[in-house]
Protein backbone atom coordinates (compact mmCIF):
# COMPACT_ATOMS: atom_id res chain seq x y z
CA UNK A 1 18.20 -19.75 -8.67
CA UNK A 2 14.77 -19.35 -10.22
CA UNK A 3 11.67 -20.50 -8.34
CA UNK A 4 9.52 -23.13 -10.04
CA UNK A 5 5.95 -23.93 -9.01
CA UNK A 6 4.29 -27.11 -10.28
CA UNK A 7 0.49 -27.11 -10.66
CA UNK A 8 -1.54 -30.15 -11.70
CA UNK A 9 -5.03 -31.17 -10.54
CA UNK A 10 -3.79 -34.65 -9.56
CA UNK A 11 -1.17 -34.56 -6.80
CA UNK A 12 0.55 -37.67 -8.21
CA UNK A 13 1.13 -35.93 -11.57
CA UNK A 14 2.41 -32.80 -9.82
CA UNK A 15 4.83 -34.81 -7.68
CA UNK A 16 6.09 -36.76 -10.70
CA UNK A 17 6.84 -33.53 -12.57
CA UNK A 18 8.47 -32.07 -9.44
CA UNK A 19 10.68 -35.13 -9.04
CA UNK A 20 11.70 -34.98 -12.70
CA UNK A 21 12.63 -31.29 -12.41
CA UNK A 22 14.50 -31.72 -9.12
CA UNK A 23 16.51 -34.61 -10.61
CA UNK A 24 17.61 -32.26 -13.40
CA UNK A 25 18.71 -29.45 -11.09
CA UNK A 26 15.67 -27.17 -10.91
CA UNK A 27 14.48 -25.81 -7.57
CA UNK A 28 10.78 -26.55 -7.14
CA UNK A 29 9.42 -24.18 -4.51
CA UNK A 30 5.84 -25.49 -4.38
CA UNK A 31 3.60 -28.28 -5.62
CA UNK A 32 -0.06 -27.30 -5.98
CA UNK A 33 -3.36 -28.82 -7.06
CA UNK A 34 -5.48 -25.63 -7.37
CA UNK A 35 -4.98 -22.29 -9.05
CA UNK A 36 -5.52 -20.47 -5.75
CA UNK A 37 -2.66 -22.39 -4.11
CA UNK A 38 -0.38 -21.59 -7.06
CA UNK A 39 -1.27 -17.88 -6.90
CA UNK A 40 -0.59 -17.76 -3.16
CA UNK A 41 2.80 -19.41 -3.69
CA UNK A 42 3.65 -17.12 -6.62
CA UNK A 43 2.73 -14.00 -4.68
CA UNK A 44 5.04 -15.08 -1.87
CA UNK A 45 8.02 -15.70 -4.17
CA UNK A 46 8.30 -12.58 -6.32
CA UNK A 47 9.42 -14.13 -9.60
CA UNK A 48 9.74 -17.52 -11.23
CA UNK A 49 8.01 -20.02 -13.51
CA UNK A 50 4.73 -21.87 -13.11
CA UNK A 51 4.70 -25.30 -14.79
CA UNK A 52 1.07 -26.37 -15.15
CA UNK A 53 -1.64 -28.25 -17.00
CA UNK A 54 -4.55 -26.39 -18.57
CA UNK A 55 -7.44 -27.10 -16.15
CA UNK A 56 -7.67 -27.13 -12.33
CA UNK A 57 -10.57 -27.59 -9.90
CA UNK A 58 -11.04 -23.82 -9.46
CA UNK A 59 -10.02 -22.26 -12.81
CA UNK A 60 -8.36 -22.78 -16.20
CA UNK A 61 -4.91 -21.69 -17.39
CA UNK A 62 -6.12 -18.43 -19.03
CA UNK A 63 -7.69 -17.16 -15.79
CA UNK A 64 -4.57 -18.13 -13.86
CA UNK A 65 -2.26 -16.42 -16.37
CA UNK A 66 -4.25 -13.20 -15.98
CA UNK A 67 -3.82 -13.31 -12.19
CA UNK A 68 -0.12 -14.25 -12.02
CA UNK A 69 2.28 -11.64 -10.61
CA UNK A 70 4.10 -9.58 -13.26
CA UNK A 71 7.45 -11.33 -12.87
CA UNK A 72 6.07 -14.86 -13.11
CA UNK A 73 5.91 -16.83 -16.35
CA UNK A 74 3.74 -19.81 -17.25
CA UNK A 75 4.80 -23.03 -18.96
CA UNK A 76 1.67 -24.85 -20.09
CA UNK A 77 1.75 -28.64 -20.60
CA UNK A 78 -1.32 -29.59 -22.63
CA UNK A 79 -2.68 -31.44 -25.65
CA UNK A 80 -2.19 -30.08 -29.16
CA UNK A 81 -5.88 -28.98 -29.24
CA UNK A 82 -5.48 -26.79 -26.16
CA UNK A 83 -2.14 -25.44 -27.38
CA UNK A 84 -3.74 -24.27 -30.64
CA UNK A 85 -6.22 -22.21 -28.55
CA UNK A 86 -3.47 -20.43 -26.62
CA UNK A 87 -1.29 -19.62 -29.66
CA UNK A 88 -0.28 -15.96 -29.62
CA UNK A 89 -1.10 -15.47 -25.94
CA UNK A 90 2.55 -15.20 -24.88
CA UNK A 91 2.35 -18.38 -22.79
CA UNK A 92 5.14 -20.91 -23.36
CA UNK A 93 3.79 -24.36 -24.22
CA UNK A 94 4.97 -27.97 -24.40
CA UNK A 95 2.74 -30.53 -26.11
CA UNK A 96 1.48 -33.68 -24.43
CA UNK A 97 2.33 -36.53 -24.52
CA UNK A 98 5.35 -35.09 -22.82
CA UNK A 99 8.88 -35.48 -24.14
CA UNK A 100 11.16 -34.99 -21.16
CA UNK A 101 13.91 -33.27 -23.16
CA UNK A 102 11.42 -30.78 -24.64
CA UNK A 103 10.22 -29.88 -21.15
CA UNK A 104 13.76 -29.51 -19.77
CA UNK A 105 15.03 -27.46 -22.72
CA UNK A 106 12.03 -25.12 -22.65
CA UNK A 107 12.27 -24.68 -18.89
CA UNK A 108 16.02 -23.99 -19.13
CA UNK A 109 15.40 -21.31 -21.74
CA UNK A 110 12.69 -19.72 -19.58
CA UNK A 111 14.92 -19.78 -16.47
CA UNK A 112 17.66 -17.98 -18.41
CA UNK A 113 15.15 -15.31 -19.45
CA UNK A 114 13.82 -14.85 -15.90
CA UNK A 115 17.34 -14.53 -14.50
CA UNK A 116 18.35 -12.07 -17.23
CA UNK A 117 15.30 -9.88 -16.47
CA UNK A 118 15.95 -10.10 -12.71
CA UNK A 119 19.54 -8.97 -13.24
CA UNK A 120 18.35 -6.09 -15.44
CA UNK A 121 15.80 -4.98 -12.81
CA UNK A 122 18.45 -5.00 -10.09
CA UNK A 123 20.88 -2.93 -12.18
CA UNK A 124 18.33 -0.16 -12.75
CA UNK A 125 18.90 2.83 -10.49
CA UNK A 126 16.49 3.15 -7.60
CA UNK A 127 13.94 5.93 -7.95
CA UNK A 128 14.07 8.13 -4.87
CA UNK A 129 11.11 10.03 -3.49
CA UNK A 130 11.19 13.81 -3.27
CA UNK A 131 11.64 13.58 0.51
CA UNK A 132 14.60 11.21 0.17
CA UNK A 133 16.26 13.46 -2.42
CA UNK A 134 15.75 16.44 -0.12
CA UNK A 135 17.47 14.63 2.81
CA UNK A 136 20.38 13.59 0.59
CA UNK A 137 20.80 17.09 -0.86
CA UNK A 138 20.64 18.63 2.61
CA UNK A 139 23.37 16.28 3.89
CA UNK A 140 25.56 17.01 0.87
CA UNK A 141 25.06 20.78 1.32
CA UNK A 142 26.02 20.54 4.99
CA UNK A 143 29.18 18.56 4.14
CA UNK A 144 30.05 21.05 1.40
CA UNK A 145 29.67 24.04 3.74
CA UNK A 146 31.41 22.59 6.78
CA UNK A 147 34.16 20.55 5.12
CA UNK A 148 34.77 22.49 1.92
CA UNK A 149 33.83 19.53 -0.31
CA UNK A 150 32.44 19.64 -3.82
CA UNK A 151 29.01 18.10 -4.36
CA UNK A 152 30.62 15.06 -5.96
CA UNK A 153 33.00 14.58 -3.01
CA UNK A 154 30.15 14.95 -0.53
CA UNK A 155 28.10 12.37 -2.40
CA UNK A 156 31.04 9.94 -2.52
CA UNK A 157 31.64 10.47 1.21
CA UNK A 158 28.02 9.60 2.02
CA UNK A 159 28.20 6.57 -0.30
CA UNK A 160 31.41 5.32 1.34
CA UNK A 161 29.98 5.76 4.85
CA UNK A 162 26.84 3.95 3.68
CA UNK A 163 28.83 0.97 2.39
CA UNK A 164 31.13 0.89 5.43
CA UNK A 165 28.24 0.90 7.90
CA UNK A 166 25.95 -1.39 5.88
CA UNK A 167 23.07 1.09 5.84
CA UNK A 168 21.33 2.55 2.82
CA UNK A 169 22.25 5.95 1.40
CA UNK A 170 19.29 7.83 2.87
CA UNK A 171 19.81 6.45 6.39
CA UNK A 172 23.47 7.48 6.16
CA UNK A 173 22.51 10.98 4.98
CA UNK A 174 20.14 11.24 7.95
CA UNK A 175 22.96 10.18 10.30
CA UNK A 176 25.29 12.79 8.78
CA UNK A 177 22.61 15.44 9.31
CA UNK A 178 21.95 14.46 12.91
CA UNK A 179 25.67 14.32 13.78
CA UNK A 180 26.66 17.57 12.11
CA UNK A 181 23.75 19.70 13.32
CA UNK A 182 24.75 19.40 16.98
């Protein structure tokens, strides 16, 4: 489930928005009244959506948007005048006075996008360092020499051992090396 942070300068407004979102099935991870609090929460969560007004005691939405972690998106709730200023900035906006259904539909759409990008990031193959590749190749070579396996079979063997033992591929390759050397 996607993390949602609510940021409004008045705590009552923030809590009202949080309660509305929670009632409609969203998980609100933090309620903040300053940009610094929101940034600290966002940095601790990794990815999600920040639902906020345009001005806080310590900064405005544009400064906050520039500081947000890469995998966090902003949903700005503001007057039509402010929204016209942020047109083309890539920030999602909902006009005030707030229509609950507009907020919920926009947030649902953003959550779907965040989850789709998270899934895509997880499916990308992990980039291994040169040292890790060297350890893996060395373990495969040792298995190939000692057990007469092809490179593909050696790799599958290390993968299977990795999954069976619950360790990552490199740790398993290191274990194979330490066991077979002695």
